């Protein structure tokens, strides 16, 4: 699926109308596309308002009647064999209809209210993700504009994907930009490290194969940056050989 196609899926994603494969592809795209993240947030907020508009609070009198009737209504015993019930007569249907209608109304009200809360929460989460992505992009651009900013690029072992490091000794900062790197396997993440003359110092996590990250911690005396694949949540020390090493030269 092309990036252009992914841009068209914001409404379907907000409405949970994508299949698992499409949803996964779109979520990877969403992490690096603030415009789509904002659009998803707006769609989700609108759906939440629609759900809230359709929710119905049962009248207090109706609720009181239902609660008062519960002690007098015996629960039907479980059946151990299929039973063919006699066809209900019109009178029986008329008597059962109010209870069925009440149950349906209560179920609709509870479902709509729960959907509204869920969609509101998802809208907040989408806005937070969009804000975080935008903040990283702004910090990366600010570092790139430093008078002494320098860059170095390399490819992941095997030649798939490109990583670029930007650093400024004047700012004491470095940042990393990933483009087309293979997405880590489930439960894994890319971890960035400052290379302090052979000693690796944790510098942040990059969950996907695309995106930018301003490295955490001061540049200090680091001579470069390394990238490893680590368990989700990161490691205190590299658990394997770097898939990429970039030197500050």
Protein backbone atom coordinates (compact mmCIF):
# COMPACT_ATOMS: atom_id res chain seq x y z
CA UNK A 1 0.00 0.00 0.00
CA UNK A 2 1.45 3.38 -1.04
CA UNK A 3 1.81 6.40 1.26
CA UNK A 4 -0.82 8.18 -0.82
CA UNK A 5 -3.27 5.34 -0.09
CA UNK A 6 -2.45 5.48 3.63
CA UNK A 7 -3.35 9.19 3.75
CA UNK A 8 -6.93 8.26 2.77
CA UNK A 9 -7.49 5.85 5.68
CA UNK A 10 -7.80 8.33 8.56
CA UNK A 11 -11.59 8.15 8.78
CA UNK A 12 -11.72 4.35 8.48
CA UNK A 13 -9.02 3.99 11.17
CA UNK A 14 -10.87 6.29 13.58
CA UNK A 15 -14.05 4.22 13.02
CA UNK A 16 -12.19 0.88 13.56
CA UNK A 17 -13.12 -0.18 10.03
CA UNK A 18 -9.69 -1.41 8.88
CA UNK A 19 -8.60 -5.03 8.85
CA UNK A 20 -5.61 -5.95 11.08
CA UNK A 21 -3.03 -5.68 8.26
CA UNK A 22 -4.31 -2.27 7.13
CA UNK A 23 -4.50 -1.06 10.73
CA UNK A 24 -0.89 -2.08 11.43
CA UNK A 25 0.36 -0.41 8.25
CA UNK A 26 -1.57 2.77 9.02
CA UNK A 27 -0.31 2.92 12.63
CA UNK A 28 3.28 2.76 11.38
CA UNK A 29 2.47 5.59 8.98
CA UNK A 30 0.67 7.53 11.74
CA UNK A 31 3.80 7.69 13.92
CA UNK A 32 5.53 9.80 11.28
CA UNK A 33 2.66 11.81 9.79
CA UNK A 34 1.42 14.63 12.06
CA UNK A 35 -1.23 15.62 9.51
CA UNK A 36 -2.84 12.17 9.58
CA UNK A 37 -2.52 11.98 13.37
CA UNK A 38 -4.35 15.30 13.69
CA UNK A 39 -7.03 14.17 11.24
CA UNK A 40 -7.54 10.90 13.15
CA UNK A 41 -7.87 12.89 16.38
CA UNK A 42 -10.52 15.11 14.80
CA UNK A 43 -12.44 12.15 13.36
CA UNK A 44 -12.32 10.34 16.72
CA UNK A 45 -13.53 13.44 18.57
CA UNK A 46 -16.42 13.82 16.12
CA UNK A 47 -17.40 10.17 16.51
CA UNK A 48 -17.28 10.56 20.27
CA UNK A 49 -19.64 13.54 20.08
CA UNK A 50 -22.00 11.58 17.83
CA UNK A 51 -21.98 8.67 20.27
CA UNK A 52 -22.66 10.98 23.18
CA UNK A 53 -25.50 12.62 21.26
CA UNK A 54 -27.18 9.25 20.74
CA UNK A 55 -26.76 8.03 24.32
CA UNK A 56 -29.91 7.98 26.44
CA UNK A 57 -30.17 8.11 30.20
CA UNK A 58 -33.11 5.94 31.39
CA UNK A 59 -35.78 7.92 33.26
CA UNK A 60 -35.48 7.59 37.03
CA UNK A 61 -39.05 6.25 37.30
CA UNK A 62 -38.32 3.50 34.79
CA UNK A 63 -35.08 2.59 36.55
CA UNK A 64 -36.91 2.46 39.90
CA UNK A 65 -39.59 0.12 38.49
CA UNK A 66 -36.99 -2.21 37.06
CA UNK A 67 -35.00 -2.35 40.30
CA UNK A 68 -38.16 -2.90 42.34
CA UNK A 69 -39.26 -5.78 40.10
CA UNK A 70 -35.95 -7.66 40.21
CA UNK A 71 -36.51 -9.43 43.60
CA UNK A 72 -39.84 -10.82 42.40
CA UNK A 73 -38.60 -12.17 39.06
CA UNK A 74 -37.20 -15.68 39.26
CA UNK A 75 -34.17 -16.42 37.13
CA UNK A 76 -34.85 -19.05 34.51
CA UNK A 77 -33.06 -22.33 35.24
CA UNK A 78 -30.54 -23.55 32.65
CA UNK A 79 -31.87 -26.08 30.16
CA UNK A 80 -30.02 -29.37 29.73
CA UNK A 81 -31.72 -30.36 26.48
CA UNK A 82 -33.23 -28.43 23.61
CA UNK A 83 -36.83 -27.57 24.28
CA UNK A 84 -39.30 -26.63 21.61
CA UNK A 85 -41.42 -23.96 23.27
CA UNK A 86 -45.04 -23.62 22.38
CA UNK A 87 -45.71 -20.65 20.18
CA UNK A 88 -46.54 -17.66 22.33
CA UNK A 89 -49.97 -16.21 21.94
CA UNK A 90 -50.61 -12.56 21.21
CA UNK A 91 -51.34 -11.82 24.87
CA UNK A 92 -48.04 -13.28 26.01
CA UNK A 93 -46.13 -11.27 23.42
CA UNK A 94 -47.87 -8.09 24.52
CA UNK A 95 -46.90 -8.78 28.14
CA UNK A 96 -43.27 -9.58 27.26
CA UNK A 97 -42.76 -6.63 24.92
CA UNK A 98 -42.30 -3.88 27.59
CA UNK A 99 -39.55 -5.92 29.30
CA UNK A 100 -37.80 -6.59 26.00
CA UNK A 101 -38.05 -2.95 24.98
CA UNK A 102 -36.65 -1.81 28.32
CA UNK A 103 -33.73 -4.21 28.09
CA UNK A 104 -32.98 -3.03 24.56
CA UNK A 105 -33.09 0.64 25.59
CA UNK A 106 -30.77 0.06 28.52
CA UNK A 107 -28.34 -1.89 26.34
CA UNK A 108 -28.30 0.85 23.67
CA UNK A 109 -27.77 3.56 26.26
CA UNK A 110 -24.92 1.71 27.95
CA UNK A 111 -23.28 0.81 24.64
CA UNK A 112 -23.48 4.31 23.21
CA UNK A 113 -22.13 5.86 26.39
CA UNK A 114 -19.23 3.38 26.51
CA UNK A 115 -18.42 4.00 22.84
CA UNK A 116 -18.35 7.75 23.41
CA UNK A 117 -15.93 7.40 26.32
CA UNK A 118 -13.67 5.04 24.34
CA UNK A 119 -13.59 7.30 21.29
CA UNK A 120 -12.89 10.36 23.43
CA UNK A 121 -9.96 8.52 25.03
CA UNK A 122 -8.63 7.46 21.62
CA UNK A 123 -8.91 11.05 20.37
CA UNK A 124 -6.83 12.24 23.32
CA UNK A 125 -4.23 9.55 22.65
CA UNK A 126 -4.04 10.45 18.96
CA UNK A 127 -3.58 14.13 19.81
CA UNK A 128 -0.83 13.23 22.29
CA UNK A 129 0.98 11.11 19.68
CA UNK A 130 0.69 13.88 17.09
CA UNK A 131 2.03 16.44 19.57
CA UNK A 132 4.97 14.18 20.49
CA UNK A 133 5.86 13.60 16.83
CA UNK A 134 5.61 17.32 16.08
CA UNK A 135 7.80 18.16 19.08
CA UNK A 136 10.51 15.75 17.90
CA UNK A 137 10.40 17.18 14.38
CA UNK A 138 10.68 20.74 15.70
CA UNK A 139 13.66 19.85 17.91
CA UNK A 140 15.35 18.03 15.01
CA UNK A 141 14.88 21.03 12.70
CA UNK A 142 16.16 23.40 15.39
CA UNK A 143 19.32 21.31 15.85
CA UNK A 144 19.85 21.08 12.09
CA UNK A 145 19.79 24.89 11.95
CA UNK A 146 22.67 25.23 14.46
CA UNK A 147 25.65 27.09 12.92
CA UNK A 148 28.05 24.21 13.60
CA UNK A 149 25.62 21.37 12.78
CA UNK A 150 27.16 18.45 10.91
CA UNK A 151 25.67 15.24 9.51
CA UNK A 152 26.74 11.70 8.69
CA UNK A 153 24.71 8.92 7.08
CA UNK A 154 24.91 5.17 6.75
CA UNK A 155 22.83 2.09 5.96
CA UNK A 156 21.61 -0.75 8.13
CA UNK A 157 23.68 -3.92 7.88
CA UNK A 158 22.46 -5.58 4.67
CA UNK A 159 21.82 -2.27 2.93
CA UNK A 160 18.15 -1.79 3.87
CA UNK A 161 17.24 1.69 5.06
CA UNK A 162 19.27 4.80 5.81
CA UNK A 163 20.15 6.43 9.12
CA UNK A 164 21.42 10.01 9.45
CA UNK A 165 22.92 11.54 12.57
CA UNK A 166 23.02 15.32 13.13
CA UNK A 167 25.21 16.76 15.85
CA UNK A 168 26.27 20.14 17.19
CA UNK A 169 29.12 20.53 19.67
CA UNK A 170 27.92 24.06 20.34
CA UNK A 171 24.51 22.78 21.39
CA UNK A 172 25.93 19.61 22.97
CA UNK A 173 23.21 17.62 21.22
CA UNK A 174 22.72 14.97 18.56
CA UNK A 175 19.68 13.65 16.70
CA UNK A 176 18.95 10.65 14.51
CA UNK A 177 16.75 10.35 11.42
CA UNK A 178 15.69 6.91 10.12
CA UNK A 179 14.34 6.39 6.61
CA UNK A 180 13.14 3.02 5.28
CA UNK A 181 14.84 0.93 7.96
CA UNK A 182 13.20 -2.51 8.45
CA UNK A 183 10.57 -2.44 11.19
CA UNK A 184 11.81 -4.39 14.23
CA UNK A 185 10.11 -7.73 14.94
CA UNK A 186 7.27 -7.85 17.46
CA UNK A 187 8.40 -6.98 20.97
CA UNK A 188 11.63 -5.36 19.69
CA UNK A 189 12.75 -1.76 19.16
CA UNK A 190 15.70 0.20 17.82
CA UNK A 191 17.86 1.68 20.58
CA UNK A 192 20.30 4.53 19.98
CA UNK A 193 23.64 4.76 21.81
CA UNK A 194 26.35 7.37 22.19
CA UNK A 195 29.69 5.74 21.43
CA UNK A 196 32.04 7.00 24.17
CA UNK A 197 35.27 5.64 22.68
CA UNK A 198 33.92 2.09 22.62
CA UNK A 199 31.57 2.31 25.62
CA UNK A 200 27.93 2.53 24.61
CA UNK A 201 25.70 4.98 26.51
CA UNK A 202 21.86 4.73 26.10
CA UNK A 203 20.48 7.64 24.08
CA UNK A 204 16.83 6.79 23.34
CA UNK A 205 14.42 4.46 21.58
CA UNK A 206 13.10 4.55 18.01
CA UNK A 207 10.22 1.99 17.77
CA UNK A 208 9.88 2.00 13.96
CA UNK A 209 12.10 2.12 10.91
CA UNK A 210 11.12 5.70 10.03
CA UNK A 211 11.13 8.87 12.09
CA UNK A 212 13.39 11.25 13.97
CA UNK A 213 14.67 11.31 17.53
CA UNK A 214 16.67 13.91 19.44
CA UNK A 215 19.05 11.77 21.47
CA UNK A 216 18.73 11.93 25.24
CA UNK A 217 21.75 12.99 27.26
CA UNK A 218 24.63 15.35 26.46
CA UNK A 219 26.92 14.88 23.49
CA UNK A 220 29.90 15.00 25.83
CA UNK A 221 32.98 13.25 24.48
CA UNK A 222 31.06 10.83 22.27
CA UNK A 223 32.81 9.89 19.04
CA UNK A 224 29.70 8.60 17.27
CA UNK A 225 26.31 6.92 17.48
CA UNK A 226 25.35 3.25 17.31
CA UNK A 227 22.01 1.54 16.66
CA UNK A 228 21.03 -1.88 18.03
CA UNK A 229 17.83 -3.93 18.12
CA UNK A 230 16.68 -4.44 21.71
CA UNK A 231 13.65 -5.77 23.61
CA UNK A 232 10.74 -3.32 23.85
CA UNK A 233 11.55 -0.84 26.59
CA UNK A 234 15.26 -0.85 25.77
CA UNK A 235 18.34 -2.21 27.52
CA UNK A 236 20.97 -0.77 29.85
CA UNK A 237 23.69 -2.25 27.64
CA UNK A 238 23.64 -3.44 24.01
CA UNK A 239 22.46 -7.05 23.79
CA UNK A 240 23.90 -7.59 20.32
CA UNK A 241 26.14 -6.13 17.65
CA UNK A 242 25.14 -2.72 16.27
CA UNK A 243 23.18 -2.75 13.01
CA UNK A 244 24.60 0.69 12.28
CA UNK A 245 27.57 2.79 13.50
CA UNK A 246 27.97 6.46 12.56
CA UNK A 247 31.05 8.46 13.43
CA UNK A 248 31.23 12.15 14.39
CA UNK A 249 33.89 12.92 11.82
